[in-house]
PDB file of N, CA and C in Angstrom:
ATOM      1  N   MET A   1      85.000  25.259  56.359  1.00  0.00           N
ATOM      2  CA  MET A   1      85.710  26.401  56.818  1.00  0.00           C
ATOM      3  C   MET A   1      86.199  27.190  55.767  1.00  0.00           C
ATOM      4  N   ARG A   2      86.001  28.436  55.905  1.00  0.00           N
ATOM      5  CA  ARG A   2      86.335  29.482  54.933  1.00  0.00           C
ATOM      6  C   ARG A   2      87.692  30.012  55.104  1.00  0.00           C
ATOM      7  N   TRP A   3      88.570  30.078  54.083  1.00  0.00           N
ATOM      8  CA  TRP A   3      89.966  30.672  54.119  1.00  0.00           C
ATOM      9  C   TRP A   3      90.311  31.629  52.925  1.00  0.00           C
ATOM     10  N   VAL A   4      91.252  32.375  53.321  1.00  0.00           N
ATOM     11  CA  VAL A   4      91.847  33.238  52.258  1.00  0.00           C
ATOM     12  C   VAL A   4      93.190  32.894  52.045  1.00  0.00           C
ATOM     13  N   GLY A   5      93.683  32.674  50.634  1.00  0.00           N
ATOM     14  CA  GLY A   5      95.061  32.331  50.409  1.00  0.00           C
ATOM     15  C   GLY A   5      95.896  33.527  50.452  1.00  0.00           C
ATOM     16  N   ILE A   6      97.119  33.500  51.203  1.00  0.00           N
ATOM     17  CA  ILE A   6      97.903  34.664  51.430  1.00  0.00           C
ATOM     18  C   ILE A   6      98.632  34.926  50.051  1.00  0.00           C
ATOM     19  N   GLU A   7      98.826  34.053  49.265  1.00  0.00           N
ATOM     20  CA  GLU A   7      99.689  34.289  48.153  1.00  0.00           C
ATOM     21  C   GLU A   7      98.829  35.051  47.026  1.00  0.00           C
ATOM     22  N   ASN A   8      97.440  34.639  46.867  1.00  0.00           N
ATOM     23  CA  ASN A   8      96.671  35.283  45.838  1.00  0.00           C
ATOM     24  C   ASN A   8      95.370  35.887  46.321  1.00  0.00           C
ATOM     25  N   GLY A   9      95.037  35.844  47.529  1.00  0.00           N
ATOM     26  CA  GLY A   9      93.956  36.449  48.075  1.00  0.00           C
ATOM     27  C   GLY A   9      92.622  35.640  47.730  1.00  0.00           C
ATOM     28  N   LYS A  10      92.725  34.355  47.110  1.00  0.00           N
ATOM     29  CA  LYS A  10      91.628  33.517  46.864  1.00  0.00           C
ATOM     30  C   LYS A  10      90.791  33.216  48.060  1.00  0.00           C
ATOM     31  N   VAL A  11      89.614  33.227  47.918  1.00  0.00           N
ATOM     32  CA  VAL A  11      88.616  32.908  49.116  1.00  0.00           C
ATOM     33  C   VAL A  11      88.014  31.604  48.572  1.00  0.00           C
ATOM     34  N   ASP A  12      88.020  30.699  49.590  1.00  0.00           N
ATOM     35  CA  ASP A  12      87.416  29.440  49.142  1.00  0.00           C
ATOM     36  C   ASP A  12      87.059  28.739  50.614  1.00  0.00           C
ATOM     37  N   SER A  13      86.387  27.638  50.588  1.00  0.00           N
ATOM     38  CA  SER A  13      86.123  26.836  51.672  1.00  0.00           C
ATOM     39  C   SER A  13      86.255  25.389  51.550  1.00  0.00           C
ATOM     40  N   ASN A  14      86.584  24.658  52.533  1.00  0.00           N
ATOM     41  CA  ASN A  14      86.801  23.240  52.668  1.00  0.00           C
ATOM     42  C   ASN A  14      86.047  22.716  53.953  1.00  0.00           C
ATOM     43  N   ALA A  15      85.800  21.447  53.950  1.00  0.00           N
ATOM     44  CA  ALA A  15      85.290  20.676  55.131  1.00  0.00           C
ATOM     45  C   ALA A  15      86.491  20.671  56.200  1.00  0.00           C
ATOM     46  N   LYS A  16      86.165  20.722  57.421  1.00  0.00           N
ATOM     47  CA  LYS A  16      87.144  20.799  58.429  1.00  0.00           C
ATOM     48  C   LYS A  16      88.083  19.644  58.249  1.00  0.00           C
ATOM     49  N   SER A  17      87.658  18.427  57.881  1.00  0.00           N
ATOM     50  CA  SER A  17      88.612  17.212  57.770  1.00  0.00           C
ATOM     51  C   SER A  17      89.522  17.578  56.698  1.00  0.00           C
ATOM     52  N   VAL A  18      89.167  18.289  55.626  1.00  0.00           N
ATOM     53  CA  VAL A  18      90.133  18.489  54.634  1.00  0.00           C
ATOM     54  C   VAL A  18      91.218  19.539  55.097  1.00  0.00           C
ATOM     55  N   VAL A  19      90.904  20.556  56.001  1.00  0.00           N
ATOM     56  CA  VAL A  19      91.800  21.510  56.505  1.00  0.00           C
ATOM     57  C   VAL A  19      92.677  20.667  57.493  1.00  0.00           C
ATOM     58  N   VAL A  20      92.185  19.921  58.391  1.00  0.00           N
ATOM     59  CA  VAL A  20      93.064  19.174  59.256  1.00  0.00           C
ATOM     60  C   VAL A  20      94.180  18.352  58.518  1.00  0.00           C
ATOM     61  N   GLU A  21      93.577  17.593  57.482  1.00  0.00           N
ATOM     62  CA  GLU A  21      94.595  16.800  56.676  1.00  0.00           C
ATOM     63  C   GLU A  21      95.645  17.777  56.084  1.00  0.00           C
ATOM     64  N   TRP A  22      95.149  18.888  55.490  1.00  0.00           N
ATOM     65  CA  TRP A  22      96.213  19.806  54.780  1.00  0.00           C
ATOM     66  C   TRP A  22      97.207  20.312  55.923  1.00  0.00           C
ATOM     67  N   ILE A  23      96.926  20.775  57.072  1.00  0.00           N
ATOM     68  CA  ILE A  23      97.803  21.045  58.061  1.00  0.00           C
ATOM     69  C   ILE A  23      98.789  19.972  58.525  1.00  0.00           C
ATOM     70  N   ASP A  24      98.075  18.829  58.744  1.00  0.00           N
ATOM     71  CA  ASP A  24      98.963  17.653  59.097  1.00  0.00           C
ATOM     72  C   ASP A  24     100.076  17.316  58.024  1.00  0.00           C
ATOM     73  N   LYS A  25      99.797  17.697  56.737  1.00  0.00           N
ATOM     74  CA  LYS A  25     100.778  17.311  55.822  1.00  0.00           C
ATOM     75  C   LYS A  25     101.639  18.555  55.495  1.00  0.00           C
ATOM     76  N   GLY A  26     101.729  19.481  56.352  1.00  0.00           N
ATOM     77  CA  GLY A  26     102.641  20.566  56.356  1.00  0.00           C
ATOM     78  C   GLY A  26     102.166  21.964  55.927  1.00  0.00           C
ATOM     79  N   GLY A  27     100.848  22.092  55.739  1.00  0.00           N
ATOM     80  CA  GLY A  27     100.187  23.346  55.444  1.00  0.00           C
ATOM     81  C   GLY A  27     100.260  24.223  56.756  1.00  0.00           C
ATOM     82  N   ALA A  28     100.068  25.454  56.604  1.00  0.00           N
ATOM     83  CA  ALA A  28     100.226  26.462  57.689  1.00  0.00           C
ATOM     84  C   ALA A  28      98.991  27.286  57.639  1.00  0.00           C
ATOM     85  N   ALA A  29      98.135  27.496  58.634  1.00  0.00           N
ATOM     86  CA  ALA A  29      96.905  28.286  58.703  1.00  0.00           C
ATOM     87  C   ALA A  29      97.070  29.163  59.893  1.00  0.00           C
ATOM     88  N   PHE A  30      96.448  30.395  59.758  1.00  0.00           N
ATOM     89  CA  PHE A  30      96.488  31.489  60.831  1.00  0.00           C
ATOM     90  C   PHE A  30      95.143  32.003  60.964  1.00  0.00           C
ATOM     91  N   VAL A  31      94.873  32.420  62.254  1.00  0.00           N
ATOM     92  CA  VAL A  31      93.687  33.272  62.336  1.00  0.00           C
ATOM     93  C   VAL A  31      94.191  34.713  62.882  1.00  0.00           C
ATOM     94  N   GLY A  32      93.504  35.683  62.290  1.00  0.00           N
ATOM     95  CA  GLY A  32      93.823  36.979  62.747  1.00  0.00           C
ATOM     96  C   GLY A  32      94.806  37.711  61.766  1.00  0.00           C
ATOM     97  N   THR A  33      95.279  38.982  62.102  1.00  0.00           N
ATOM     98  CA  THR A  33      96.210  39.692  61.213  1.00  0.00           C
ATOM     99  C   THR A  33      97.300  40.318  62.060  1.00  0.00           C
ATOM    100  N   GLY A  34      98.305  40.699  61.382  1.00  0.00           N
ATOM    101  CA  GLY A  34      99.417  41.512  62.058  1.00  0.00           C
ATOM    102  C   GLY A  34      99.930  40.753  63.325  1.00  0.00           C
ATOM    103  N   THR A  35      99.966  41.615  64.370  1.00  0.00           N
ATOM    104  CA  THR A  35     100.522  41.220  65.505  1.00  0.00           C
ATOM    105  C   THR A  35      99.402  40.310  66.250  1.00  0.00           C
ATOM    106  N   SER A  36      98.259  40.256  65.918  1.00  0.00           N
ATOM    107  CA  SER A  36      97.089  39.446  66.592  1.00  0.00           C
ATOM    108  C   SER A  36      97.092  38.174  65.813  1.00  0.00           C
ATOM    109  N   GLN A  37      97.940  37.776  64.857  1.00  0.00           N
ATOM    110  CA  GLN A  37      97.898  36.519  64.084  1.00  0.00           C
ATOM    111  C   GLN A  37      98.443  35.340  65.083  1.00  0.00           C
ATOM    112  N   VAL A  38      97.643  34.243  64.885  1.00  0.00           N
ATOM    113  CA  VAL A  38      98.083  33.087  65.739  1.00  0.00           C
ATOM    114  C   VAL A  38      97.837  31.830  64.837  1.00  0.00           C
ATOM    115  N   PRO A  39      98.705  30.743  64.954  1.00  0.00           N
ATOM    116  CA  PRO A  39      98.739  29.660  64.187  1.00  0.00           C
ATOM    117  C   PRO A  39      97.539  28.754  64.600  1.00  0.00           C
ATOM    118  N   VAL A  40      97.042  28.058  63.583  1.00  0.00           N
ATOM    119  CA  VAL A  40      95.992  27.109  63.724  1.00  0.00           C
ATOM    120  C   VAL A  40      96.693  25.752  63.704  1.00  0.00           C
ATOM    121  N   VAL A  41      96.501  24.925  64.733  1.00  0.00           N
ATOM    122  CA  VAL A  41      97.285  23.640  64.797  1.00  0.00           C
ATOM    123  C   VAL A  41      96.185  22.431  64.859  1.00  0.00           C
ATOM    124  N   THR A  42      96.487  21.328  64.527  1.00  0.00           N
ATOM    125  CA  THR A  42      95.508  20.062  64.570  1.00  0.00           C
ATOM    126  C   THR A  42      95.810  19.346  66.093  1.00  0.00           C
ATOM    127  N   VAL A  43      94.831  18.799  66.455  1.00  0.00           N
ATOM    128  CA  VAL A  43      94.982  17.797  67.560  1.00  0.00           C
ATOM    129  C   VAL A  43      94.356  16.641  67.068  1.00  0.00           C
ATOM    130  N   ASN A  44      95.124  15.472  67.357  1.00  0.00           N
ATOM    131  CA  ASN A  44      94.631  14.133  66.758  1.00  0.00           C
ATOM    132  C   ASN A  44      94.672  13.209  68.065  1.00  0.00           C
ATOM    133  N   PRO A  45      93.572  13.296  68.679  1.00  0.00           N
ATOM    134  CA  PRO A  45      93.443  12.426  69.876  1.00  0.00           C
ATOM    135  C   PRO A  45      93.284  11.042  69.699  1.00  0.00           C
ATOM    136  N   SER A  46      93.902  10.201  70.393  1.00  0.00           N
ATOM    137  CA  SER A  46      93.851   8.601  70.308  1.00  0.00           C
ATOM    138  C   SER A  46      92.435   8.375  70.316  1.00  0.00           C
ATOM    139  N   GLY A  47      91.958   7.660  69.270  1.00  0.00           N
ATOM    140  CA  GLY A  47      90.582   7.175  69.373  1.00  0.00           C
ATOM    141  C   GLY A  47      89.559   8.306  69.091  1.00  0.00           C
ATOM    142  N   GLY A  48      89.809   9.454  68.814  1.00  0.00           N
ATOM    143  CA  GLY A  48      88.958  10.418  68.720  1.00  0.00           C
ATOM    144  C   GLY A  48      88.961  11.153  67.398  1.00  0.00           C
ATOM    145  N   THR A  49      88.190  11.995  66.992  1.00  0.00           N
ATOM    146  CA  THR A  49      88.065  12.766  65.762  1.00  0.00           C
ATOM    147  C   THR A  49      89.110  14.046  65.877  1.00  0.00           C
ATOM    148  N   PRO A  50      89.971  14.120  64.891  1.00  0.00           N
ATOM    149  CA  PRO A  50      90.840  15.235  64.760  1.00  0.00           C
ATOM    150  C   PRO A  50      90.086  16.608  64.796  1.00  0.00           C
ATOM    151  N   TYR A  51      90.697  17.581  65.341  1.00  0.00           N
ATOM    152  CA  TYR A  51      90.136  18.879  65.315  1.00  0.00           C
ATOM    153  C   TYR A  51      91.184  19.963  65.322  1.00  0.00           C
ATOM    154  N   LEU A  52      90.692  21.310  65.153  1.00  0.00           N
ATOM    155  CA  LEU A  52      91.619  22.348  65.062  1.00  0.00           C
ATOM    156  C   LEU A  52      91.537  23.189  66.303  1.00  0.00           C
ATOM    157  N   ARG A  53      92.634  23.899  66.670  1.00  0.00           N
ATOM    158  CA  ARG A  53      92.745  24.817  67.765  1.00  0.00           C
ATOM    159  C   ARG A  53      93.819  25.826  67.597  1.00  0.00           C
ATOM    160  N   THR A  54      93.753  26.905  68.534  1.00  0.00           N
ATOM    161  CA  THR A  54      94.875  27.990  68.316  1.00  0.00           C
ATOM    162  C   THR A  54      95.416  28.214  69.716  1.00  0.00           C
ATOM    163  N   ARG A  55      96.547  28.786  69.770  1.00  0.00           N
ATOM    164  CA  ARG A  55      97.208  29.220  70.850  1.00  0.00           C
ATOM    165  C   ARG A  55      97.259  30.781  71.036  1.00  0.00           C
ATOM    166  N   ALA A  56      96.507  31.333  71.899  1.00  0.00           N
ATOM    167  CA  ALA A  56      96.407  32.734  71.822  1.00  0.00           C
ATOM    168  C   ALA A  56      96.766  33.292  73.283  1.00  0.00           C
ATOM    169  N   ASP A  57      97.585  34.228  73.521  1.00  0.00           N
ATOM    170  CA  ASP A  57      98.049  34.884  74.783  1.00  0.00           C
ATOM    171  C   ASP A  57      98.650  33.641  75.643  1.00  0.00           C
ATOM    172  N   ARG A  58      99.336  32.845  75.017  1.00  0.00           N
ATOM    173  CA  ARG A  58     100.102  31.604  75.611  1.00  0.00           C
ATOM    174  C   ARG A  58      99.241  30.690  76.284  1.00  0.00           C
ATOM    175  N   GLN A  59      97.945  30.684  75.852  1.00  0.00           N
ATOM    176  CA  GLN A  59      96.977  29.680  76.374  1.00  0.00           C
ATOM    177  C   GLN A  59      96.282  28.973  75.021  1.00  0.00           C
ATOM    178  N   TRP A  60      96.355  27.602  75.193  1.00  0.00           N
ATOM    179  CA  TRP A  60      95.633  26.830  74.215  1.00  0.00           C
ATOM    180  C   TRP A  60      94.123  27.108  74.451  1.00  0.00           C
ATOM    181  N   THR A  61      93.498  27.481  73.320  1.00  0.00           N
ATOM    182  CA  THR A  61      92.185  27.739  73.298  1.00  0.00           C
ATOM    183  C   THR A  61      91.231  27.223  72.377  1.00  0.00           C
ATOM    184  N   ASN A  62      90.036  27.308  72.523  1.00  0.00           N
ATOM    185  CA  ASN A  62      89.087  26.835  71.475  1.00  0.00           C
ATOM    186  C   ASN A  62      88.447  28.172  70.804  1.00  0.00           C
ATOM    187  N   ASN A  63      89.076  29.293  70.564  1.00  0.00           N
ATOM    188  CA  ASN A  63      88.480  30.488  70.131  1.00  0.00           C
ATOM    189  C   ASN A  63      88.000  30.356  68.705  1.00  0.00           C
ATOM    190  N   LEU A  64      88.241  29.385  67.982  1.00  0.00           N
ATOM    191  CA  LEU A  64      87.724  29.119  66.603  1.00  0.00           C
ATOM    192  C   LEU A  64      86.352  29.219  66.621  1.00  0.00           C
ATOM    193  N   VAL A  65      85.613  28.615  67.662  1.00  0.00           N
ATOM    194  CA  VAL A  65      84.199  28.503  67.698  1.00  0.00           C
ATOM    195  C   VAL A  65      83.555  29.978  67.978  1.00  0.00           C
ATOM    196  N   SER A  66      84.330  31.008  68.149  1.00  0.00           N
ATOM    197  CA  SER A  66      83.811  32.276  68.341  1.00  0.00           C
ATOM    198  C   SER A  66      83.882  32.944  67.098  1.00  0.00           C
ATOM    199  N   LEU A  67      84.453  32.456  66.088  1.00  0.00           N
ATOM    200  CA  LEU A  67      84.636  33.283  64.819  1.00  0.00           C
ATOM    201  C   LEU A  67      83.192  33.141  64.190  1.00  0.00           C
ATOM    202  N   PRO A  68      82.896  34.143  63.366  1.00  0.00           N
ATOM    203  CA  PRO A  68      81.641  34.170  62.585  1.00  0.00           C
ATOM    204  C   PRO A  68      81.513  32.996  61.471  1.00  0.00           C
ATOM    205  N   GLU A  69      80.363  32.386  61.270  1.00  0.00           N
ATOM    206  CA  GLU A  69      80.097  31.427  60.262  1.00  0.00           C
ATOM    207  C   GLU A  69      79.637  32.136  59.001  1.00  0.00           C
ATOM    208  N   PHE A  70      80.058  31.625  57.869  1.00  0.00           N
ATOM    209  CA  PHE A  70      79.670  32.272  56.615  1.00  0.00           C
ATOM    210  C   PHE A  70      78.755  31.398  55.948  1.00  0.00           C
TER     211      PHE A  70
END
């Protein structure tokens, strides 16, 4: 997953599992900008693989899959 650090503008990428672990440990990630910005949260299903999702327009969505790949 590609990300941009808000503190320094650094662009980097990590495996999804690394991003999930980082958020689970208190990190905060967002998709979008300004008033369109929504948080990325982790889902840790019992017996399943953790994954990421967002909440947009008061609906839990899987809109991360619609983002462009780099």
